[in-house]
């Protein structure tokens, strides 16, 4: 679990709560039974709306420029916001959404 991760030991393991398929079905069932509206979103796009990556748990993340990008050799860029595909991005999105829901 993410709350037991040790810095430098298990970076490859990512923790982000994911609803079970049964939970999603129950939400859809309740929505239909109560004649409510259900909205969805494209989560790959939602990642860039999350707060800055959790540096305390995973440290800074750096990437090399893409091939064909004219830049001095040895230049790297720091990733400042969560991007789909980075292991810690799902956790950052979860923390951002949790903070937002608690504030409502």
PDB file of N, CA and C in Angstrom:
ATOM      1  N   UNK A   1       0.831  -1.185   0.000  1.00  0.00           N
ATOM      2  CA  UNK A   1       0.000   0.000   0.000  1.00  0.00           C
ATOM      3  C   UNK A   1       0.872   1.244   0.000  1.00  0.00           C
ATOM      4  N   UNK A   2       0.336   2.306  -0.520  1.00  0.00           N
ATOM      5  CA  UNK A   2       1.085   3.542  -0.657  1.00  0.00           C
ATOM      6  C   UNK A   2       1.537   4.159   0.648  1.00  0.00           C
ATOM      7  N   UNK A   3       0.766   3.943   1.724  1.00  0.00           N
ATOM      8  CA  UNK A   3       1.157   4.544   2.992  1.00  0.00           C
ATOM      9  C   UNK A   3       2.324   3.818   3.651  1.00  0.00           C
ATOM     10  N   UNK A   4       2.741   2.709   3.086  1.00  0.00           N
ATOM     11  CA  UNK A   4       3.878   1.958   3.640  1.00  0.00           C
ATOM     12  C   UNK A   4       5.099   2.002   2.723  1.00  0.00           C
ATOM     13  N   UNK A   5       5.057   2.846   1.692  1.00  0.00           N
ATOM     14  CA  UNK A   5       6.174   2.935   0.755  1.00  0.00           C
ATOM     15  C   UNK A   5       7.390   3.521   1.452  1.00  0.00           C
ATOM     16  N   UNK A   6       8.558   3.039   1.059  1.00  0.00           N
ATOM     17  CA  UNK A   6       9.806   3.549   1.615  1.00  0.00           C
ATOM     18  C   UNK A   6      10.576   4.244   0.512  1.00  0.00           C
ATOM     19  N   UNK A   7      11.008   5.471   0.792  1.00  0.00           N
ATOM     20  CA  UNK A   7      11.719   6.266  -0.201  1.00  0.00           C
ATOM     21  C   UNK A   7      12.962   5.534  -0.683  1.00  0.00           C
ATOM     22  N   UNK A   8      13.116   5.442  -1.987  1.00  0.00           N
ATOM     23  CA  UNK A   8      14.278   4.806  -2.584  1.00  0.00           C
ATOM     24  C   UNK A   8      14.174   3.297  -2.725  1.00  0.00           C
ATOM     25  N   UNK A   9      13.149   2.677  -2.137  1.00  0.00           N
ATOM     26  CA  UNK A   9      13.043   1.215  -2.183  1.00  0.00           C
ATOM     27  C   UNK A   9      11.981   0.733  -3.164  1.00  0.00           C
ATOM     28  N   UNK A  10      10.815   1.332  -3.131  1.00  0.00           N
ATOM     29  CA  UNK A  10       9.724   0.802  -3.947  1.00  0.00           C
ATOM     30  C   UNK A  10       9.064   1.880  -4.791  1.00  0.00           C
ATOM     31  N   UNK A  11       9.876   2.653  -5.488  1.00  0.00           N
ATOM     32  CA  UNK A  11       9.349   3.703  -6.354  1.00  0.00           C
ATOM     33  C   UNK A  11       8.526   3.118  -7.493  1.00  0.00           C
ATOM     34  N   UNK A  12       8.903   1.962  -7.986  1.00  0.00           N
ATOM     35  CA  UNK A  12       8.199   1.359  -9.123  1.00  0.00           C
ATOM     36  C   UNK A  12       6.768   0.974  -8.761  1.00  0.00           C
ATOM     37  N   UNK A  13       6.489   0.782  -7.469  1.00  0.00           N
ATOM     38  CA  UNK A  13       5.133   0.458  -7.042  1.00  0.00           C
ATOM     39  C   UNK A  13       4.351   1.758  -6.894  1.00  0.00           C
ATOM     40  N   UNK A  14       3.181   1.813  -7.472  1.00  0.00           N
ATOM     41  CA  UNK A  14       2.350   3.012  -7.385  1.00  0.00           C
ATOM     42  C   UNK A  14       1.058   2.674  -6.649  1.00  0.00           C
ATOM     43  N   UNK A  15       0.609   3.611  -5.836  1.00  0.00           N
ATOM     44  CA  UNK A  15      -0.620   3.410  -5.092  1.00  0.00           C
ATOM     45  C   UNK A  15      -1.628   4.474  -5.490  1.00  0.00           C
ATOM     46  N   UNK A  16      -2.770   4.042  -5.913  1.00  0.00           N
ATOM     47  CA  UNK A  16      -3.887   4.944  -6.188  1.00  0.00           C
ATOM     48  C   UNK A  16      -5.168   4.140  -6.020  1.00  0.00           C
ATOM     49  N   UNK A  17      -6.062   4.615  -5.186  1.00  0.00           N
ATOM     50  CA  UNK A  17      -7.311   3.885  -4.990  1.00  0.00           C
ATOM     51  C   UNK A  17      -8.084   3.779  -6.306  1.00  0.00           C
ATOM     52  N   UNK A  18      -8.534   2.589  -6.603  1.00  0.00           N
ATOM     53  CA  UNK A  18      -9.302   2.339  -7.826  1.00  0.00           C
ATOM     54  C   UNK A  18     -10.592   1.638  -7.411  1.00  0.00           C
ATOM     55  N   UNK A  19     -11.727   2.151  -7.851  1.00  0.00           N
ATOM     56  CA  UNK A  19     -12.985   1.512  -7.462  1.00  0.00           C
ATOM     57  C   UNK A  19     -13.128   0.137  -8.113  1.00  0.00           C
ATOM     58  N   UNK A  20     -13.672  -0.758  -7.385  1.00  0.00           N
ATOM     59  CA  UNK A  20     -13.953  -2.091  -7.895  1.00  0.00           C
ATOM     60  C   UNK A  20     -15.110  -1.989  -8.887  1.00  0.00           C
ATOM     61  N   UNK A  21     -15.166  -2.879  -9.851  1.00  0.00           N
ATOM     62  CA  UNK A  21     -16.221  -2.847 -10.865  1.00  0.00           C
ATOM     63  C   UNK A  21     -17.606  -2.923 -10.218  1.00  0.00           C
ATOM     64  N   UNK A  22     -17.731  -3.674  -9.124  1.00  0.00           N
ATOM     65  CA  UNK A  22     -19.010  -3.776  -8.422  1.00  0.00           C
ATOM     66  C   UNK A  22     -19.439  -2.419  -7.877  1.00  0.00           C
ATOM     67  N   UNK A  23     -18.483  -1.635  -7.374  1.00  0.00           N
ATOM     68  CA  UNK A  23     -18.804  -0.301  -6.855  1.00  0.00           C
ATOM     69  C   UNK A  23     -19.362   0.582  -7.964  1.00  0.00           C
ATOM     70  N   UNK A  24     -18.756   0.516  -9.134  1.00  0.00           N
ATOM     71  CA  UNK A  24     -19.244   1.312 -10.266  1.00  0.00           C
ATOM     72  C   UNK A  24     -20.658   0.879 -10.649  1.00  0.00           C
ATOM     73  N   UNK A  25     -20.920  -0.420 -10.647  1.00  0.00           N
ATOM     74  CA  UNK A  25     -22.261  -0.903 -10.982  1.00  0.00           C
ATOM     75  C   UNK A  25     -23.297  -0.439  -9.963  1.00  0.00           C
ATOM     76  N   UNK A  26     -22.926  -0.432  -8.683  1.00  0.00           N
ATOM     77  CA  UNK A  26     -23.845   0.017  -7.634  1.00  0.00           C
ATOM     78  C   UNK A  26     -24.177   1.494  -7.810  1.00  0.00           C
ATOM     79  N   UNK A  27     -23.176   2.306  -8.146  1.00  0.00           N
ATOM     80  CA  UNK A  27     -23.416   3.735  -8.371  1.00  0.00           C
ATOM     81  C   UNK A  27     -24.364   3.927  -9.550  1.00  0.00           C
ATOM     82  N   UNK A  28     -24.149   3.184 -10.621  1.00  0.00           N
ATOM     83  CA  UNK A  28     -25.034   3.282 -11.791  1.00  0.00           C
ATOM     84  C   UNK A  28     -26.442   2.823 -11.434  1.00  0.00           C
ATOM     85  N   UNK A  29     -26.556   1.758 -10.642  1.00  0.00           N
ATOM     86  CA  UNK A  29     -27.857   1.249 -10.215  1.00  0.00           C
ATOM     87  C   UNK A  29     -28.613   2.287  -9.387  1.00  0.00           C
ATOM     88  N   UNK A  30     -27.946   2.887  -8.422  1.00  0.00           N
ATOM     89  CA  UNK A  30     -28.576   3.912  -7.573  1.00  0.00           C
ATOM     90  C   UNK A  30     -28.984   5.109  -8.418  1.00  0.00           C
ATOM     91  N   UNK A  31     -28.111   5.511  -9.344  1.00  0.00           N
ATOM     92  CA  UNK A  31     -28.428   6.637 -10.226  1.00  0.00           C
ATOM     93  C   UNK A  31     -29.689   6.367 -11.029  1.00  0.00           C
ATOM     94  N   UNK A  32     -29.810   5.175 -11.572  1.00  0.00           N
ATOM     95  CA  UNK A  32     -30.994   4.822 -12.366  1.00  0.00           C
ATOM     96  C   UNK A  32     -32.241   4.715 -11.481  1.00  0.00           C
ATOM     97  N   UNK A  33     -32.094   4.111 -10.305  1.00  0.00           N
ATOM     98  CA  UNK A  33     -33.238   3.919  -9.406  1.00  0.00           C
ATOM     99  C   UNK A  33     -33.786   5.243  -8.892  1.00  0.00           C
ATOM    100  N   UNK A  34     -32.912   6.199  -8.640  1.00  0.00           N
ATOM    101  CA  UNK A  34     -33.328   7.500  -8.105  1.00  0.00           C
ATOM    102  C   UNK A  34     -33.583   8.526  -9.209  1.00  0.00           C
ATOM    103  N   UNK A  35     -33.466   8.124 -10.459  1.00  0.00           N
ATOM    104  CA  UNK A  35     -33.656   9.000 -11.613  1.00  0.00           C
ATOM    105  C   UNK A  35     -32.742  10.237 -11.532  1.00  0.00           C
ATOM    106  N   UNK A  36     -31.468   9.986 -11.241  1.00  0.00           N
ATOM    107  CA  UNK A  36     -30.463  11.045 -11.143  1.00  0.00           C
ATOM    108  C   UNK A  36     -29.649  11.114 -12.424  1.00  0.00           C
ATOM    109  N   UNK A  37     -28.837  12.152 -12.558  1.00  0.00           N
ATOM    110  CA  UNK A  37     -27.925  12.269 -13.693  1.00  0.00           C
ATOM    111  C   UNK A  37     -26.543  11.786 -13.272  1.00  0.00           C
ATOM    112  N   UNK A  38     -25.866  11.142 -14.182  1.00  0.00           N
ATOM    113  CA  UNK A  38     -24.515  10.653 -13.924  1.00  0.00           C
ATOM    114  C   UNK A  38     -23.579  11.258 -14.961  1.00  0.00           C
ATOM    115  N   UNK A  39     -22.503  11.872 -14.507  1.00  0.00           N
ATOM    116  CA  UNK A  39     -21.538  12.499 -15.406  1.00  0.00           C
ATOM    117  C   UNK A  39     -20.221  11.736 -15.352  1.00  0.00           C
ATOM    118  N   UNK A  40     -19.486  11.790 -16.424  1.00  0.00           N
ATOM    119  CA  UNK A  40     -18.180  11.133 -16.466  1.00  0.00           C
ATOM    120  C   UNK A  40     -17.156  12.120 -17.009  1.00  0.00           C
ATOM    121  N   UNK A  41     -15.883  11.745 -16.909  1.00  0.00           N
ATOM    122  CA  UNK A  41     -14.824  12.608 -17.446  1.00  0.00           C
ATOM    123  C   UNK A  41     -13.723  11.732 -18.044  1.00  0.00           C
ATOM    124  N   UNK A  42     -12.951  12.338 -18.891  1.00  0.00           N
ATOM    125  CA  UNK A  42     -11.821  11.661 -19.530  1.00  0.00           C
ATOM    126  C   UNK A  42     -10.623  11.803 -18.596  1.00  0.00           C
ATOM    127  N   UNK A  43     -10.247  10.732 -17.909  1.00  0.00           N
ATOM    128  CA  UNK A  43      -9.249  10.832 -16.850  1.00  0.00           C
ATOM    129  C   UNK A  43      -7.836  11.136 -17.328  1.00  0.00           C
ATOM    130  N   UNK A  44      -7.475  10.736 -18.524  1.00  0.00           N
ATOM    131  CA  UNK A  44      -6.124  11.064 -19.001  1.00  0.00           C
ATOM    132  C   UNK A  44      -5.946  12.579 -19.036  1.00  0.00           C
ATOM    133  N   UNK A  45      -6.995  13.307 -19.370  1.00  0.00           N
ATOM    134  CA  UNK A  45      -6.945  14.768 -19.379  1.00  0.00           C
ATOM    135  C   UNK A  45      -7.007  15.321 -17.957  1.00  0.00           C
ATOM    136  N   UNK A  46      -7.655  14.610 -17.043  1.00  0.00           N
ATOM    137  CA  UNK A  46      -7.804  15.080 -15.667  1.00  0.00           C
ATOM    138  C   UNK A  46      -6.471  15.109 -14.927  1.00  0.00           C
ATOM    139  N   UNK A  47      -5.532  14.282 -15.321  1.00  0.00           N
ATOM    140  CA  UNK A  47      -4.257  14.227 -14.615  1.00  0.00           C
ATOM    141  C   UNK A  47      -3.555  15.582 -14.589  1.00  0.00           C
ATOM    142  N   UNK A  48      -3.614  16.323 -15.679  1.00  0.00           N
ATOM    143  CA  UNK A  48      -2.901  17.599 -15.714  1.00  0.00           C
ATOM    144  C   UNK A  48      -3.585  18.661 -14.864  1.00  0.00           C
ATOM    145  N   UNK A  49      -4.807  18.391 -14.394  1.00  0.00           N
ATOM    146  CA  UNK A  49      -5.507  19.318 -13.511  1.00  0.00           C
ATOM    147  C   UNK A  49      -5.161  19.089 -12.050  1.00  0.00           C
ATOM    148  N   UNK A  50      -4.477  18.002 -11.757  1.00  0.00           N
ATOM    149  CA  UNK A  50      -4.122  17.686 -10.367  1.00  0.00           C
ATOM    150  C   UNK A  50      -3.029  18.619  -9.875  1.00  0.00           C
ATOM    151  N   UNK A  51      -2.906  18.679  -8.553  1.00  0.00           N
ATOM    152  CA  UNK A  51      -1.860  19.491  -7.946  1.00  0.00           C
ATOM    153  C   UNK A  51      -0.486  18.933  -8.306  1.00  0.00           C
ATOM    154  N   UNK A  52       0.547  19.689  -7.969  1.00  0.00           N
ATOM    155  CA  UNK A  52       1.924  19.290  -8.255  1.00  0.00           C
ATOM    156  C   UNK A  52       2.210  17.898  -7.691  1.00  0.00           C
ATOM    157  N   UNK A  53       3.104  17.185  -8.336  1.00  0.00           N
ATOM    158  CA  UNK A  53       3.462  15.837  -7.891  1.00  0.00           C
ATOM    159  C   UNK A  53       3.889  15.846  -6.439  1.00  0.00           C
ATOM    160  N   UNK A  54       3.612  14.753  -5.751  1.00  0.00           N
ATOM    161  CA  UNK A  54       3.937  14.598  -4.335  1.00  0.00           C
ATOM    162  C   UNK A  54       5.436  14.365  -4.175  1.00  0.00           C
ATOM    163  N   UNK A  55       6.193  15.442  -4.038  1.00  0.00           N
ATOM    164  CA  UNK A  55       7.647  15.333  -3.978  1.00  0.00           C
ATOM    165  C   UNK A  55       8.132  14.607  -2.724  1.00  0.00           C
ATOM    166  N   UNK A  56       7.389  14.723  -1.631  1.00  0.00           N
ATOM    167  CA  UNK A  56       7.811  14.094  -0.392  1.00  0.00           C
ATOM    168  C   UNK A  56       7.904  12.586  -0.506  1.00  0.00           C
ATOM    169  N   UNK A  57       7.029  11.985  -1.299  1.00  0.00           N
ATOM    170  CA  UNK A  57       7.023  10.535  -1.413  1.00  0.00           C
ATOM    171  C   UNK A  57       7.936  10.047  -2.526  1.00  0.00           C
ATOM    172  N   UNK A  58       7.944  10.738  -3.656  1.00  0.00           N
ATOM    173  CA  UNK A  58       8.633  10.208  -4.821  1.00  0.00           C
ATOM    174  C   UNK A  58       9.837  11.019  -5.277  1.00  0.00           C
ATOM    175  N   UNK A  59      10.058  12.171  -4.711  1.00  0.00           N
ATOM    176  CA  UNK A  59      11.165  12.998  -5.166  1.00  0.00           C
ATOM    177  C   UNK A  59      10.844  13.668  -6.484  1.00  0.00           C
ATOM    178  N   UNK A  60      11.789  14.372  -7.033  1.00  0.00           N
ATOM    179  CA  UNK A  60      11.578  15.076  -8.300  1.00  0.00           C
ATOM    180  C   UNK A  60      11.693  14.090  -9.456  1.00  0.00           C
ATOM    181  N   UNK A  61      10.977  14.392 -10.532  1.00  0.00           N
ATOM    182  CA  UNK A  61      11.019  13.555 -11.727  1.00  0.00           C
ATOM    183  C   UNK A  61      11.567  14.400 -12.871  1.00  0.00           C
ATOM    184  N   UNK A  62      12.560  13.863 -13.571  1.00  0.00           N
ATOM    185  CA  UNK A  62      13.169  14.553 -14.689  1.00  0.00           C
ATOM    186  C   UNK A  62      13.032  13.711 -15.945  1.00  0.00           C
ATOM    187  N   UNK A  63      12.871  14.394 -17.092  1.00  0.00           N
ATOM    188  CA  UNK A  63      12.784  13.683 -18.374  1.00  0.00           C
ATOM    189  C   UNK A  63      13.750  14.316 -19.367  1.00  0.00           C
ATOM    190  N   UNK A  64      14.164  13.531 -20.334  1.00  0.00           N
ATOM    191  CA  UNK A  64      15.014  14.035 -21.414  1.00  0.00           C
ATOM    192  C   UNK A  64      14.127  14.627 -22.491  1.00  0.00           C
ATOM    193  N   UNK A  65      14.645  15.579 -23.260  1.00  0.00           N
ATOM    194  CA  UNK A  65      13.843  16.126 -24.367  1.00  0.00           C
ATOM    195  C   UNK A  65      13.563  15.035 -25.400  1.00  0.00           C
ATOM    196  N   UNK A  66      12.436  15.126 -26.111  1.00  0.00           N
ATOM    197  CA  UNK A  66      12.120  14.117 -27.121  1.00  0.00           C
ATOM    198  C   UNK A  66      13.107  14.151 -28.284  1.00  0.00           C
ATOM    199  N   UNK A  67      13.220  13.035 -28.988  1.00  0.00           N
ATOM    200  CA  UNK A  67      14.112  12.971 -30.148  1.00  0.00           C
ATOM    201  C   UNK A  67      13.697  14.007 -31.173  1.00  0.00           C
ATOM    202  N   UNK A  68      14.672  14.654 -31.764  1.00  0.00           N
ATOM    203  CA  UNK A  68      14.388  15.685 -32.745  1.00  0.00           C
ATOM    204  C   UNK A  68      14.306  17.075 -32.146  1.00  0.00           C
ATOM    205  N   UNK A  69      14.228  17.173 -30.841  1.00  0.00           N
ATOM    206  CA  UNK A  69      14.171  18.461 -30.155  1.00  0.00           C
ATOM    207  C   UNK A  69      15.586  19.000 -30.069  1.00  0.00           C
ATOM    208  N   UNK A  70      15.798  20.166 -30.627  1.00  0.00           N
ATOM    209  CA  UNK A  70      17.149  20.731 -30.637  1.00  0.00           C
ATOM    210  C   UNK A  70      17.436  21.406 -29.305  1.00  0.00           C
ATOM    211  N   UNK A  71      18.319  20.804 -28.555  1.00  0.00           N
ATOM    212  CA  UNK A  71      18.672  21.287 -27.223  1.00  0.00           C
ATOM    213  C   UNK A  71      20.118  20.891 -26.969  1.00  0.00           C
ATOM    214  N   UNK A  72      20.770  21.605 -26.081  1.00  0.00           N
ATOM    215  CA  UNK A  72      22.139  21.241 -25.728  1.00  0.00           C
ATOM    216  C   UNK A  72      22.158  19.839 -25.127  1.00  0.00           C
ATOM    217  N   UNK A  73      23.250  19.125 -25.352  1.00  0.00           N
ATOM    218  CA  UNK A  73      23.358  17.770 -24.837  1.00  0.00           C
ATOM    219  C   UNK A  73      23.404  17.785 -23.316  1.00  0.00           C
ATOM    220  N   UNK A  74      22.748  16.825 -22.707  1.00  0.00           N
ATOM    221  CA  UNK A  74      22.737  16.711 -21.254  1.00  0.00           C
ATOM    222  C   UNK A  74      21.641  17.504 -20.566  1.00  0.00           C
ATOM    223  N   UNK A  75      20.794  18.174 -21.331  1.00  0.00           N
ATOM    224  CA  UNK A  75      19.711  18.960 -20.752  1.00  0.00           C
ATOM    225  C   UNK A  75      18.556  18.029 -20.382  1.00  0.00           C
ATOM    226  N   UNK A  76      17.998  18.226 -19.205  1.00  0.00           N
ATOM    227  CA  UNK A  76      16.818  17.494 -18.769  1.00  0.00           C
ATOM    228  C   UNK A  76      15.787  18.493 -18.261  1.00  0.00           C
ATOM    229  N   UNK A  77      14.532  18.068 -18.223  1.00  0.00           N
ATOM    230  CA  UNK A  77      13.446  18.920 -17.758  1.00  0.00           C
ATOM    231  C   UNK A  77      12.799  18.308 -16.530  1.00  0.00           C
ATOM    232  N   UNK A  78      12.443  19.156 -15.578  1.00  0.00           N
ATOM    233  CA  UNK A  78      11.727  18.679 -14.399  1.00  0.00           C
ATOM    234  C   UNK A  78      10.237  18.650 -14.716  1.00  0.00           C
ATOM    235  N   UNK A  79       9.583  17.552 -14.362  1.00  0.00           N
ATOM    236  CA  UNK A  79       8.136  17.424 -14.565  1.00  0.00           C
ATOM    237  C   UNK A  79       7.458  18.109 -13.376  1.00  0.00           C
ATOM    238  N   UNK A  80       6.688  19.156 -13.648  1.00  0.00           N
ATOM    239  CA  UNK A  80       6.071  19.942 -12.585  1.00  0.00           C
ATOM    240  C   UNK A  80       4.632  19.551 -12.285  1.00  0.00           C
ATOM    241  N   UNK A  81       3.957  18.927 -13.241  1.00  0.00           N
ATOM    242  CA  UNK A  81       2.567  18.532 -13.000  1.00  0.00           C
ATOM    243  C   UNK A  81       2.412  17.051 -13.348  1.00  0.00           C
ATOM    244  N   UNK A  82       1.422  16.412 -12.768  1.00  0.00           N
ATOM    245  CA  UNK A  82       1.209  14.996 -13.057  1.00  0.00           C
ATOM    246  C   UNK A  82       0.878  14.776 -14.530  1.00  0.00           C
ATOM    247  N   UNK A  83       1.464  13.757 -15.107  1.00  0.00           N
ATOM    248  CA  UNK A  83       1.192  13.378 -16.484  1.00  0.00           C
ATOM    249  C   UNK A  83       0.754  11.922 -16.508  1.00  0.00           C
ATOM    250  N   UNK A  84      -0.192  11.609 -17.374  1.00  0.00           N
ATOM    251  CA  UNK A  84      -0.659  10.235 -17.502  1.00  0.00           C
ATOM    252  C   UNK A  84       0.527   9.335 -17.831  1.00  0.00           C
ATOM    253  N   UNK A  85       0.699   8.278 -17.084  1.00  0.00           N
ATOM    254  CA  UNK A  85       1.787   7.341 -17.332  1.00  0.00           C
ATOM    255  C   UNK A  85       2.892   7.403 -16.292  1.00  0.00           C
ATOM    256  N   UNK A  86       2.988   8.495 -15.544  1.00  0.00           N
ATOM    257  CA  UNK A  86       3.977   8.578 -14.459  1.00  0.00           C
ATOM    258  C   UNK A  86       3.346   7.924 -13.235  1.00  0.00           C
ATOM    259  N   UNK A  87       4.045   6.968 -12.603  1.00  0.00           N
ATOM    260  CA  UNK A  87       3.432   6.208 -11.510  1.00  0.00           C
ATOM    261  C   UNK A  87       2.810   7.063 -10.399  1.00  0.00           C
ATOM    262  N   UNK A  88       3.414   8.174 -10.033  1.00  0.00           N
ATOM    263  CA  UNK A  88       2.892   8.959  -8.916  1.00  0.00           C
ATOM    264  C   UNK A  88       1.760   9.895  -9.325  1.00  0.00           C
ATOM    265  N   UNK A  89       1.454   9.983 -10.613  1.00  0.00           N
ATOM    266  CA  UNK A  89       0.398  10.886 -11.079  1.00  0.00           C
ATOM    267  C   UNK A  89      -0.977  10.481 -10.569  1.00  0.00           C
ATOM    268  N   UNK A  90      -1.260   9.201 -10.542  1.00  0.00           N
ATOM    269  CA  UNK A  90      -2.567   8.736 -10.073  1.00  0.00           C
ATOM    270  C   UNK A  90      -2.762   9.108  -8.607  1.00  0.00           C
ATOM    271  N   UNK A  91      -1.720   9.007  -7.824  1.00  0.00           N
ATOM    272  CA  UNK A  91      -1.821   9.391  -6.409  1.00  0.00           C
ATOM    273  C   UNK A  91      -2.056  10.888  -6.283  1.00  0.00           C
ATOM    274  N   UNK A  92      -1.369  11.695  -7.068  1.00  0.00           N
ATOM    275  CA  UNK A  92      -1.567  13.142  -7.018  1.00  0.00           C
ATOM    276  C   UNK A  92      -2.999  13.508  -7.397  1.00  0.00           C
ATOM    277  N   UNK A  93      -3.536  12.844  -8.413  1.00  0.00           N
ATOM    278  CA  UNK A  93      -4.917  13.095  -8.818  1.00  0.00           C
ATOM    279  C   UNK A  93      -5.866  12.712  -7.691  1.00  0.00           C
ATOM    280  N   UNK A  94      -5.629  11.567  -7.070  1.00  0.00           N
ATOM    281  CA  UNK A  94      -6.483  11.123  -5.963  1.00  0.00           C
ATOM    282  C   UNK A  94      -6.439  12.128  -4.811  1.00  0.00           C
ATOM    283  N   UNK A  95      -5.252  12.594  -4.435  1.00  0.00           N
ATOM    284  CA  UNK A  95      -5.132  13.557  -3.338  1.00  0.00           C
ATOM    285  C   UNK A  95      -5.839  14.871  -3.678  1.00  0.00           C
ATOM    286  N   UNK A  96      -5.713  15.326  -4.922  1.00  0.00           N
ATOM    287  CA  UNK A  96      -6.376  16.563  -5.345  1.00  0.00           C
ATOM    288  C   UNK A  96      -7.889  16.407  -5.284  1.00  0.00           C
ATOM    289  N   UNK A  97      -8.413  15.294  -5.802  1.00  0.00           N
ATOM    290  CA  UNK A  97      -9.858  15.069  -5.784  1.00  0.00           C
ATOM    291  C   UNK A  97     -10.389  14.923  -4.356  1.00  0.00           C
ATOM    292  N   UNK A  98      -9.635  14.218  -3.506  1.00  0.00           N
ATOM    293  CA  UNK A  98     -10.044  14.055  -2.114  1.00  0.00           C
ATOM    294  C   UNK A  98     -10.130  15.406  -1.411  1.00  0.00           C
ATOM    295  N   UNK A  99      -9.117  16.246  -1.627  1.00  0.00           N
ATOM    296  CA  UNK A  99      -9.116  17.588  -1.025  1.00  0.00           C
ATOM    297  C   UNK A  99     -10.324  18.395  -1.520  1.00  0.00           C
ATOM    298  N   UNK A 100     -10.630  18.298  -2.810  1.00  0.00           N
ATOM    299  CA  UNK A 100     -11.750  19.046  -3.376  1.00  0.00           C
ATOM    300  C   UNK A 100     -13.082  18.549  -2.793  1.00  0.00           C
ATOM    301  N   UNK A 101     -13.271  17.212  -2.747  1.00  0.00           N
ATOM    302  CA  UNK A 101     -14.528  16.668  -2.214  1.00  0.00           C
ATOM    303  C   UNK A 101     -14.726  17.053  -0.752  1.00  0.00           C
ATOM    304  N   UNK A 102     -13.666  17.043   0.032  1.00  0.00           N
ATOM    305  CA  UNK A 102     -13.779  17.409   1.449  1.00  0.00           C
ATOM    306  C   UNK A 102     -14.109  18.884   1.632  1.00  0.00           C
ATOM    307  N   UNK A 103     -13.723  19.714   0.669  1.00  0.00           N
ATOM    308  CA  UNK A 103     -13.993  21.153   0.789  1.00  0.00           C
ATOM    309  C   UNK A 103     -15.426  21.507   0.372  1.00  0.00           C
ATOM    310  N   UNK A 104     -16.111  20.583  -0.278  1.00  0.00           N
ATOM    311  CA  UNK A 104     -17.480  20.864  -0.765  1.00  0.00           C
ATOM    312  C   UNK A 104     -18.518  20.672   0.318  1.00  0.00           C
TER     313      UNK A 104
END
